[in-house]
Amino acid sequence: MDIDQLLKQVTPEIHQRMKAAIETGKWPDGSPVSEQQRENCLQLVIAWDARNLPEQERTGWLPPKPANKNRTADTEQPLRVLDRDKD
């Protein structure tokens, strides 16, 4: 089964159960979620969110940082790599 077929079968209720399993580490019946199951659920939740929810409601979405008009040139400096073998 490919991801498109799988996502078509995921209902909002299944989506919520998977999110709860990721957050709590337990399935609704109380059994533990394995690390592999958690990874698979997270991938499925992210993919489902991308197809079904507005950007602001998706798992992991963060609002953009406001522009800092007070930023000065001396707060950002290029990275310098020092070669310890050269003196």
N, C-alpha and C. Protein backbone atom coordinates (compact mmCIF):
# COMPACT_ATOMS: atom_id res chain seq x y z
N MET A 1 0.85 -1.17 0.00
CA MET A 1 0.00 0.00 0.00
C MET A 1 0.90 1.24 0.00
N ASP A 2 0.61 2.16 -0.88
CA ASP A 2 1.42 3.37 -0.92
C ASP A 2 0.84 4.43 0.03
N ILE A 3 1.58 5.51 0.21
CA ILE A 3 1.20 6.54 1.19
C ILE A 3 -0.13 7.20 0.83
N ASP A 4 -0.42 7.37 -0.46
CA ASP A 4 -1.69 7.99 -0.86
C ASP A 4 -2.88 7.14 -0.43
N GLN A 5 -2.78 5.84 -0.66
CA GLN A 5 -3.86 4.94 -0.26
C GLN A 5 -4.03 4.93 1.25
N LEU A 6 -2.90 4.92 1.96
CA LEU A 6 -2.95 4.91 3.42
C LEU A 6 -3.58 6.18 3.96
N LEU A 7 -3.18 7.32 3.43
CA LEU A 7 -3.73 8.60 3.92
C LEU A 7 -5.23 8.73 3.65
N LYS A 8 -5.70 8.14 2.58
CA LYS A 8 -7.14 8.19 2.28
C LYS A 8 -7.96 7.42 3.31
N GLN A 9 -7.33 6.44 3.96
CA GLN A 9 -8.04 5.63 4.95
C GLN A 9 -7.98 6.21 6.36
N VAL A 10 -7.14 7.21 6.55
CA VAL A 10 -7.00 7.81 7.89
C VAL A 10 -8.13 8.82 8.10
N THR A 11 -8.95 8.56 9.09
CA THR A 11 -10.04 9.47 9.44
C THR A 11 -9.53 10.48 10.47
N PRO A 12 -10.25 11.57 10.69
CA PRO A 12 -9.84 12.50 11.75
C PRO A 12 -9.73 11.82 13.12
N GLU A 13 -10.58 10.83 13.39
CA GLU A 13 -10.51 10.11 14.67
C GLU A 13 -9.21 9.31 14.77
N ILE A 14 -8.84 8.61 13.70
CA ILE A 14 -7.58 7.86 13.71
C ILE A 14 -6.41 8.81 13.86
N HIS A 15 -6.47 9.92 13.18
CA HIS A 15 -5.42 10.95 13.28
C HIS A 15 -5.24 11.40 14.72
N GLN A 16 -6.33 11.68 15.41
CA GLN A 16 -6.26 12.12 16.80
C GLN A 16 -5.71 11.02 17.71
N ARG A 17 -6.10 9.77 17.45
CA ARG A 17 -5.58 8.66 18.26
C ARG A 17 -4.07 8.51 18.08
N MET A 18 -3.61 8.68 16.84
CA MET A 18 -2.17 8.59 16.59
C MET A 18 -1.42 9.72 17.27
N LYS A 19 -1.98 10.93 17.22
CA LYS A 19 -1.34 12.06 17.90
C LYS A 19 -1.26 11.81 19.40
N ALA A 20 -2.33 11.28 19.97
CA ALA A 20 -2.34 10.99 21.41
C ALA A 20 -1.32 9.90 21.73
N ALA A 21 -1.19 8.90 20.87
CA ALA A 21 -0.21 7.83 21.09
C ALA A 21 1.22 8.38 21.04
N ILE A 22 1.46 9.30 20.13
CA ILE A 22 2.79 9.93 20.04
C ILE A 22 3.08 10.72 21.31
N GLU A 23 2.10 11.48 21.76
CA GLU A 23 2.28 12.36 22.93
C GLU A 23 2.41 11.59 24.24
N THR A 24 1.60 10.55 24.41
CA THR A 24 1.57 9.84 25.70
C THR A 24 2.45 8.59 25.74
N GLY A 25 2.76 8.04 24.55
CA GLY A 25 3.52 6.80 24.50
C GLY A 25 2.66 5.58 24.74
N LYS A 26 1.34 5.77 24.71
CA LYS A 26 0.41 4.65 24.94
C LYS A 26 -0.72 4.71 23.91
N TRP A 27 -1.22 3.51 23.55
CA TRP A 27 -2.40 3.41 22.71
C TRP A 27 -3.63 3.63 23.57
N PRO A 28 -4.79 3.86 22.98
CA PRO A 28 -6.00 4.09 23.78
C PRO A 28 -6.31 2.97 24.78
N ASP A 29 -5.89 1.73 24.48
CA ASP A 29 -6.14 0.63 25.42
C ASP A 29 -5.10 0.56 26.53
N GLY A 30 -4.12 1.47 26.52
CA GLY A 30 -3.10 1.52 27.57
C GLY A 30 -1.82 0.79 27.25
N SER A 31 -1.79 0.04 26.15
CA SER A 31 -0.56 -0.67 25.79
C SER A 31 0.49 0.32 25.29
N PRO A 32 1.76 0.01 25.53
CA PRO A 32 2.82 0.96 25.14
C PRO A 32 3.01 1.03 23.63
N VAL A 33 3.44 2.20 23.18
CA VAL A 33 3.77 2.43 21.77
C VAL A 33 5.27 2.18 21.63
N SER A 34 5.65 1.30 20.70
CA SER A 34 7.08 1.05 20.48
C SER A 34 7.70 2.26 19.78
N GLU A 35 9.01 2.32 19.80
CA GLU A 35 9.71 3.43 19.14
C GLU A 35 9.42 3.42 17.64
N GLN A 36 9.39 2.24 17.03
CA GLN A 36 9.09 2.14 15.60
C GLN A 36 7.66 2.61 15.31
N GLN A 37 6.71 2.22 16.17
CA GLN A 37 5.33 2.67 15.99
C GLN A 37 5.23 4.19 16.14
N ARG A 38 5.96 4.74 17.09
CA ARG A 38 5.94 6.19 17.31
C ARG A 38 6.48 6.91 16.07
N GLU A 39 7.58 6.42 15.51
CA GLU A 39 8.16 7.04 14.31
C GLU A 39 7.18 6.95 13.13
N ASN A 40 6.57 5.78 12.95
CA ASN A 40 5.61 5.61 11.86
C ASN A 40 4.40 6.51 12.04
N CYS A 41 3.88 6.59 13.25
CA CYS A 41 2.73 7.45 13.53
C CYS A 41 3.07 8.92 13.27
N LEU A 42 4.25 9.34 13.68
CA LEU A 42 4.64 10.73 13.48
C LEU A 42 4.73 11.05 12.00
N GLN A 43 5.31 10.17 11.22
CA GLN A 43 5.37 10.39 9.77
C GLN A 43 3.98 10.47 9.17
N LEU A 44 3.10 9.59 9.59
CA LEU A 44 1.74 9.58 9.07
C LEU A 44 0.97 10.84 9.49
N VAL A 45 1.12 11.25 10.74
CA VAL A 45 0.44 12.45 11.23
C VAL A 45 0.92 13.68 10.45
N ILE A 46 2.21 13.80 10.23
CA ILE A 46 2.75 14.95 9.49
C ILE A 46 2.23 14.95 8.06
N ALA A 47 2.23 13.79 7.42
CA ALA A 47 1.74 13.70 6.05
C ALA A 47 0.24 14.01 5.98
N TRP A 48 -0.53 13.47 6.94
CA TRP A 48 -1.98 13.72 6.96
C TRP A 48 -2.24 15.21 7.18
N ASP A 49 -1.52 15.81 8.13
CA ASP A 49 -1.68 17.24 8.39
C ASP A 49 -1.42 18.07 7.14
N ALA A 50 -0.36 17.74 6.41
CA ALA A 50 0.02 18.50 5.22
C ALA A 50 -1.08 18.47 4.16
N ARG A 51 -1.82 17.39 4.10
CA ARG A 51 -2.87 17.26 3.10
C ARG A 51 -4.24 17.77 3.56
N ASN A 52 -4.45 17.84 4.86
CA ASN A 52 -5.80 18.10 5.35
C ASN A 52 -5.98 19.33 6.23
N LEU A 53 -4.91 19.94 6.67
CA LEU A 53 -5.03 21.07 7.59
C LEU A 53 -4.35 22.32 7.05
N PRO A 54 -4.85 23.49 7.42
CA PRO A 54 -4.14 24.72 7.07
C PRO A 54 -2.78 24.73 7.78
N GLU A 55 -1.85 25.43 7.21
CA GLU A 55 -0.47 25.45 7.71
C GLU A 55 -0.39 25.73 9.22
N GLN A 56 -1.17 26.66 9.73
CA GLN A 56 -1.10 27.05 11.13
C GLN A 56 -1.59 25.96 12.08
N GLU A 57 -2.31 24.97 11.59
CA GLU A 57 -2.85 23.91 12.45
C GLU A 57 -2.04 22.62 12.38
N ARG A 58 -0.98 22.60 11.58
CA ARG A 58 -0.21 21.38 11.37
C ARG A 58 0.72 21.10 12.55
N THR A 59 0.98 19.81 12.75
CA THR A 59 1.91 19.38 13.79
C THR A 59 3.28 20.00 13.55
N GLY A 60 3.83 20.62 14.58
CA GLY A 60 5.16 21.20 14.50
C GLY A 60 5.23 22.61 13.95
N TRP A 61 4.09 23.20 13.56
CA TRP A 61 4.12 24.54 12.98
C TRP A 61 4.46 25.57 14.04
N LEU A 62 5.34 26.48 13.70
CA LEU A 62 5.68 27.60 14.57
C LEU A 62 5.42 28.89 13.82
N PRO A 63 4.90 29.90 14.48
CA PRO A 63 4.68 31.17 13.80
C PRO A 63 6.02 31.80 13.43
N PRO A 64 6.06 32.55 12.34
CA PRO A 64 7.32 33.20 11.96
C PRO A 64 7.74 34.21 13.01
N LYS A 65 9.04 34.34 13.16
CA LYS A 65 9.55 35.33 14.12
C LYS A 65 9.37 36.73 13.53
N PRO A 66 8.96 37.67 14.36
CA PRO A 66 8.82 39.03 13.85
C PRO A 66 10.19 39.62 13.51
N ALA A 67 10.21 40.46 12.52
CA ALA A 67 11.46 41.12 12.13
C ALA A 67 11.91 42.03 13.27
N ASN A 68 13.18 41.97 13.58
CA ASN A 68 13.74 42.80 14.64
C ASN A 68 14.37 44.03 14.00
N LYS A 69 13.68 45.14 14.10
CA LYS A 69 14.17 46.38 13.47
C LYS A 69 15.35 46.96 14.23
N ASN A 70 15.56 46.51 15.47
CA ASN A 70 16.66 47.04 16.28
C ASN A 70 17.96 46.26 16.09
N ARG A 71 17.96 45.27 15.22
CA ARG A 71 19.15 44.45 15.00
C ARG A 71 20.25 45.32 14.40
N THR A 72 21.42 45.20 14.94
CA THR A 72 22.56 45.95 14.42
C THR A 72 23.52 44.99 13.72
N ALA A 73 24.38 45.55 12.92
CA ALA A 73 25.31 44.73 12.14
C ALA A 73 26.24 43.92 13.03
N ASP A 74 26.53 44.42 14.25
CA ASP A 74 27.49 43.71 15.10
C ASP A 74 26.87 42.50 15.81
N THR A 75 25.57 42.28 15.69
CA THR A 75 24.98 41.09 16.31
C THR A 75 25.15 39.86 15.43
N GLU A 76 25.38 40.05 14.15
CA GLU A 76 25.63 38.93 13.25
C GLU A 76 27.04 39.07 12.69
N GLN A 77 27.82 38.03 12.91
CA GLN A 77 29.20 38.06 12.43
C GLN A 77 29.47 36.78 11.66
N PRO A 78 30.33 36.87 10.65
CA PRO A 78 30.66 35.66 9.92
C PRO A 78 31.45 34.69 10.80
N LEU A 79 31.31 33.43 10.50
CA LEU A 79 32.01 32.39 11.23
C LEU A 79 33.45 32.34 10.75
N ARG A 80 34.38 32.33 11.70
CA ARG A 80 35.80 32.23 11.35
C ARG A 80 36.31 30.87 11.81
N VAL A 81 37.01 30.19 10.93
CA VAL A 81 37.58 28.89 11.25
C VAL A 81 39.07 29.10 11.47
N LEU A 82 39.54 28.72 12.65
CA LEU A 82 40.96 28.88 12.97
C LEU A 82 41.69 27.59 12.73
N ASP A 83 42.81 27.67 12.08
CA ASP A 83 43.64 26.50 11.83
C ASP A 83 44.70 26.47 12.92
N ARG A 84 44.60 25.55 13.83
CA ARG A 84 45.53 25.47 14.98
C ARG A 84 46.91 25.05 14.57
N ASP A 85 47.08 24.44 13.40
CA ASP A 85 48.39 24.01 12.97
C ASP A 85 49.23 25.18 12.45
N LYS A 86 48.59 26.25 12.07
CA LYS A 86 49.31 27.43 11.59
C LYS A 86 49.47 28.42 12.72
N ASP A 87 50.63 28.97 12.86
CA ASP A 87 50.87 30.01 13.89
C ASP A 87 51.32 31.28 13.26
